[in-house]
Amino acid sequence: MSTISAGTLINNGLNWSSDTTGNLVFLTNGTTTATTINTSQYMLGNVLGMGAGVYPAEQFFLLGTGYTGTQATTAQSVFGLTNGVTLASNTIYQFEGMYALSKSAGTTTNIIGYGFGGTATLNSIAYIRNYTWSNTGFTTPILTLGDFSPYGFIQTASSTSLPSENTASASVWWIVHLKGTVSVNAGGTFLPQYSLSAAPGGAYTTAAGSYFKIAPLGAAGSNISNGTWS
C-alpha cells in the first residue's frame, strides 16, 4: 500500500492526511473531517454541514420490491420509508418521481392525494403532476386529455388530491409522474407521501420500479443558472 504524507493546502486552511485504513482525509482547521476519499476511490463527506455519505450527483431511491401500505387516511410513505431523503438548508433542488400503485380489494369510494412530509422547512415548491389510472392494469390506462386535464401545477407540499377513480371494480391501477423544484429553508428530511380520503377496503401497493430522485441546483433565494445565460 502506498503511503500518504500529511500536508496543508495553502491559503484555505484545509489539511490532508491518511487514516489507519489508507483513506485520504481532508480536515478543516486541522480537526473536522470535511471529505474522505476511500481506498475504493469513492468520495465521502458532508454537504453544507450535513452528512451525505458518498457524494452523489443526485440522491436516488428505487423500490426493488413492491411495498403494501395501509388503509389509514393519514399521510403515508409512498415507498415505506420512515424519513425519506435528507436535504441541506438554503438550497434549491430539482426532483422527479414515478409511482405506480394498485389495489385488488375494496369498493369504497376514495380519492388519492400526493404530497411531501419530513422535517425540512421549505421556502417554496413547484412541480407538475401527470397521471393516469385503469381498472384492468398498468398497461391499459383510461385517463386521457378528453376525460380530465392530466397535468396539474402544484405549489404546496401538502397532499393534493387527484380525481376520484371508478370504484365499481375492486381493482385499480394508478400511474403518477412528478417533476419540479423545491427550495429548502432549514435542512431536514423530505418524504414522498400519499393519503386516502377514505379506507377503500384494500390497501394500495407501490410497484417495484417506482422511484424518486433529487439533486441540488444552487443556493436558495436567487435565480439559478448553469451555462451562458445572460
Protein backbone atom coordinates (compact mmCIF):
# COMPACT_ATOMS: atom_id res chain seq x y z
CA MET A 1 0.00 0.00 0.00
CA SER A 2 1.32 3.45 -0.87
CA THR A 3 1.96 5.95 1.92
CA ILE A 4 0.20 9.33 2.06
CA SER A 5 2.07 12.10 3.82
CA ALA A 6 0.22 14.77 5.77
CA GLY A 7 0.15 18.28 4.36
CA THR A 8 -1.67 21.59 4.11
CA LEU A 9 -3.33 23.20 1.10
CA ILE A 10 -2.08 26.79 1.10
CA ASN A 11 -4.38 29.76 1.83
CA ASN A 12 -7.56 27.87 2.65
CA GLY A 13 -6.82 26.07 5.91
CA LEU A 14 -7.68 22.64 4.52
CA ASN A 15 -5.37 19.94 5.90
CA TRP A 16 -5.00 16.47 4.50
CA SER A 17 -3.69 13.21 5.91
CA SER A 18 -4.36 9.47 5.85
CA ASP A 19 -6.17 7.37 8.43
CA THR A 20 -5.30 3.86 9.64
CA THR A 21 -7.18 2.20 6.75
CA GLY A 22 -5.43 4.14 3.98
CA ASN A 23 -8.21 6.65 3.28
CA LEU A 24 -7.23 10.15 2.18
CA VAL A 25 -8.82 12.54 4.70
CA PHE A 26 -9.29 16.30 4.31
CA LEU A 27 -9.74 18.32 7.50
CA THR A 28 -10.93 21.88 8.08
CA ASN A 29 -8.93 23.72 10.75
CA GLY A 30 -6.94 20.55 11.25
CA THR A 31 -9.69 18.87 13.28
CA THR A 32 -13.01 18.48 11.45
CA THR A 33 -13.33 15.92 8.67
CA ALA A 34 -14.64 17.62 5.54
CA THR A 35 -14.11 14.99 2.86
CA THR A 36 -12.67 11.50 2.64
CA ILE A 37 -11.54 9.58 -0.44
CA ASN A 38 -11.54 5.91 0.47
CA THR A 39 -9.44 3.11 -0.96
CA SER A 40 -12.22 2.33 -3.48
CA GLN A 41 -11.86 5.92 -4.73
CA TYR A 42 -15.31 6.96 -3.53
CA MET A 43 -15.60 10.48 -2.13
CA LEU A 44 -17.46 10.69 1.17
CA GLY A 45 -18.28 13.60 3.45
CA ASN A 46 -20.69 16.39 4.25
CA VAL A 47 -22.78 18.70 2.08
CA LEU A 48 -23.27 22.13 3.68
CA GLY A 49 -22.52 20.61 7.06
CA MET A 50 -24.98 17.72 6.72
CA GLY A 51 -23.86 14.12 6.46
CA ALA A 52 -24.27 12.81 2.92
CA GLY A 53 -22.27 9.58 2.85
CA VAL A 54 -20.88 9.01 -0.65
CA TYR A 55 -21.18 12.25 -2.62
CA PRO A 56 -23.99 11.70 -5.12
CA ALA A 57 -24.56 13.59 -8.36
CA GLU A 58 -28.15 13.06 -7.27
CA GLN A 59 -29.85 11.17 -4.47
CA PHE A 60 -31.95 8.33 -5.85
CA PHE A 61 -34.35 5.78 -4.39
CA LEU A 62 -35.65 2.88 -6.48
CA LEU A 63 -38.15 0.47 -4.95
CA GLY A 64 -36.83 -3.03 -5.58
CA THR A 65 -39.77 -4.97 -4.13
CA GLY A 66 -43.42 -3.95 -4.07
CA TYR A 67 -44.48 -2.17 -0.86
CA THR A 68 -48.02 -2.51 0.53
CA GLY A 69 -49.26 0.45 2.55
CA THR A 70 -52.21 0.77 4.92
CA GLN A 71 -55.82 1.89 4.65
CA ALA A 72 -55.25 4.81 7.01
CA THR A 73 -56.45 8.22 5.89
CA THR A 74 -53.36 9.90 7.32
CA ALA A 75 -50.38 10.57 5.05
CA GLN A 76 -48.12 7.56 4.46
CA SER A 77 -44.83 6.93 2.71
CA VAL A 78 -45.02 6.01 -0.97
CA PHE A 79 -42.02 3.68 -0.57
CA GLY A 80 -42.41 2.56 3.04
CA LEU A 81 -39.55 4.79 4.21
CA THR A 82 -39.52 6.37 7.65
CA ASN A 83 -37.61 9.58 6.98
CA GLY A 84 -37.05 9.94 3.25
CA VAL A 85 -34.05 11.86 1.92
CA THR A 86 -32.05 14.44 3.92
CA LEU A 87 -31.75 17.85 2.27
CA ALA A 88 -29.42 20.73 3.12
CA SER A 89 -30.52 24.17 4.23
CA ASN A 90 -30.64 27.23 1.95
CA THR A 91 -30.60 25.06 -1.18
CA ILE A 92 -32.82 24.64 -4.24
CA TYR A 93 -33.28 21.10 -5.57
CA GLN A 94 -34.77 19.62 -8.72
CA PHE A 95 -36.67 16.35 -8.37
CA GLU A 96 -38.54 13.71 -10.33
CA GLY A 97 -40.66 10.79 -9.23
CA MET A 98 -42.66 7.98 -10.82
CA TYR A 99 -45.11 5.99 -8.70
CA ALA A 100 -47.17 3.00 -9.80
CA LEU A 101 -49.79 1.97 -7.22
CA SER A 102 -52.52 -0.65 -7.34
CA LYS A 103 -55.08 -2.41 -5.18
CA SER A 104 -57.20 -5.51 -5.70
CA ALA A 105 -59.84 -5.33 -2.97
CA GLY A 106 -62.47 -2.94 -1.63
CA THR A 107 -65.01 -0.77 -3.43
CA THR A 108 -65.35 2.20 -1.05
CA THR A 109 -65.00 5.43 -3.00
CA ASN A 110 -61.70 7.11 -2.19
CA ILE A 111 -59.54 9.89 -3.58
CA ILE A 112 -55.73 9.70 -3.52
CA GLY A 113 -53.73 12.79 -2.63
CA TYR A 114 -49.99 13.12 -3.19
CA GLY A 115 -47.57 15.37 -1.31
CA PHE A 116 -44.45 15.51 0.83
CA GLY A 117 -43.69 15.20 4.53
CA GLY A 118 -40.48 15.39 6.54
CA THR A 119 -38.69 17.78 8.86
CA ALA A 120 -37.18 20.18 6.30
CA THR A 121 -38.85 23.61 6.16
CA LEU A 122 -39.49 24.93 2.68
CA ASN A 123 -39.32 28.36 1.11
CA SER A 124 -41.36 27.12 -1.84
CA ILE A 125 -42.14 24.12 -4.01
CA ALA A 126 -43.44 23.87 -7.58
CA TYR A 127 -44.00 20.76 -9.66
CA ILE A 128 -46.14 19.29 -12.40
CA ARG A 129 -48.05 16.08 -11.86
CA ASN A 130 -49.19 13.84 -14.69
CA TYR A 131 -51.27 10.74 -14.00
CA THR A 132 -53.49 8.03 -15.40
CA TRP A 133 -55.48 5.11 -13.95
CA SER A 134 -57.24 1.95 -15.01
CA ASN A 135 -59.44 -0.83 -13.66
CA THR A 136 -57.67 -3.50 -15.70
CA GLY A 137 -53.91 -2.97 -15.39
CA PHE A 138 -50.91 -0.67 -15.68
CA THR A 139 -50.72 -1.11 -19.46
CA THR A 140 -54.33 -0.08 -20.18
CA PRO A 141 -54.79 3.46 -18.86
CA ILE A 142 -58.18 5.11 -19.43
CA LEU A 143 -57.48 8.67 -18.35
CA THR A 144 -56.93 10.83 -21.41
CA LEU A 145 -56.97 14.54 -22.16
CA GLY A 146 -60.60 14.17 -23.20
CA ASP A 147 -61.55 12.86 -19.74
CA PHE A 148 -59.58 15.20 -17.49
CA SER A 149 -56.62 17.51 -17.85
CA PRO A 150 -53.87 15.12 -16.73
CA TYR A 151 -51.39 17.84 -15.79
CA GLY A 152 -51.52 19.89 -12.60
CA PHE A 153 -49.08 22.60 -11.45
CA ILE A 154 -48.74 22.16 -7.68
CA GLN A 155 -47.23 24.81 -5.37
CA THR A 156 -47.66 23.18 -1.97
CA ALA A 157 -46.05 20.22 -0.19
CA SER A 158 -49.41 19.35 1.35
CA SER A 159 -51.40 16.43 -0.01
CA THR A 160 -53.14 17.39 -3.27
CA SER A 161 -55.96 15.14 -4.45
CA LEU A 162 -56.49 13.60 -7.86
CA PRO A 163 -59.97 12.98 -9.34
CA SER A 164 -61.82 10.03 -7.84
CA GLU A 165 -61.30 6.73 -9.64
CA ASN A 166 -64.06 4.36 -10.69
CA THR A 167 -64.52 2.13 -7.62
CA ALA A 168 -67.19 -0.11 -9.19
CA SER A 169 -64.26 -2.51 -9.54
CA ALA A 170 -62.16 -3.52 -6.55
CA SER A 171 -59.08 -3.42 -8.75
CA VAL A 172 -57.46 -0.05 -9.50
CA TRP A 173 -54.09 0.84 -11.01
CA TRP A 174 -52.55 4.33 -10.74
CA ILE A 175 -49.51 5.74 -12.56
CA VAL A 176 -48.22 9.14 -11.41
CA HIS A 177 -45.28 11.22 -12.68
CA LEU A 178 -43.95 14.22 -10.73
CA LYS A 179 -41.29 16.72 -11.78
CA GLY A 180 -40.32 20.06 -10.27
CA THR A 181 -38.22 22.05 -7.83
CA VAL A 182 -38.16 22.66 -4.10
CA SER A 183 -36.42 25.46 -2.19
CA VAL A 184 -35.29 24.39 1.30
CA ASN A 185 -35.05 26.89 4.14
CA ALA A 186 -33.94 24.79 7.12
CA GLY A 187 -32.39 21.44 6.24
CA GLY A 188 -34.04 18.18 7.20
CA THR A 189 -35.85 15.20 5.73
CA PHE A 190 -38.11 15.20 2.65
CA LEU A 191 -40.51 12.28 2.27
CA PRO A 192 -42.74 11.43 -0.74
CA GLN A 193 -46.21 10.55 0.59
CA TYR A 194 -49.78 9.80 -0.40
CA SER A 195 -53.04 9.91 1.52
CA LEU A 196 -56.52 8.44 1.08
CA SER A 197 -59.79 10.27 1.63
CA ALA A 198 -61.35 7.04 2.94
CA ALA A 199 -60.32 3.47 3.67
CA PRO A 200 -61.11 1.70 0.36
CA GLY A 201 -61.36 -1.82 1.78
CA GLY A 202 -57.98 -2.85 0.38
CA ALA A 203 -54.55 -1.28 0.74
CA TYR A 204 -52.55 0.08 -2.20
CA THR A 205 -49.23 -1.49 -3.18
CA THR A 206 -46.43 0.60 -4.68
CA ALA A 207 -44.95 -1.44 -7.53
CA ALA A 208 -41.29 -2.36 -7.78
CA GLY A 209 -39.53 0.03 -10.14
CA SER A 210 -41.22 3.13 -8.72
CA TYR A 211 -38.59 5.75 -7.94
CA PHE A 212 -37.76 9.26 -6.73
CA LYS A 213 -34.62 11.27 -7.45
CA ILE A 214 -33.46 14.70 -6.28
CA ALA A 215 -30.36 16.82 -6.90
CA PRO A 216 -29.15 20.28 -5.76
CA LEU A 217 -29.20 23.20 -8.19
CA GLY A 218 -27.78 26.05 -6.10
CA ALA A 219 -28.36 28.45 -3.23
CA ALA A 220 -31.93 29.40 -2.33
CA GLY A 221 -33.22 32.92 -2.73
CA SER A 222 -31.95 33.74 -6.20
CA ASN A 223 -32.29 32.76 -9.84
CA ILE A 224 -30.31 29.64 -10.73
CA SER A 225 -28.39 29.33 -13.96
CA ASN A 226 -25.84 26.96 -15.39
CA GLY A 227 -24.14 27.87 -18.66
CA THR A 228 -24.05 31.03 -20.76
CA TRP A 229 -27.37 32.65 -19.75
CA SER A 230 -27.38 36.46 -19.95
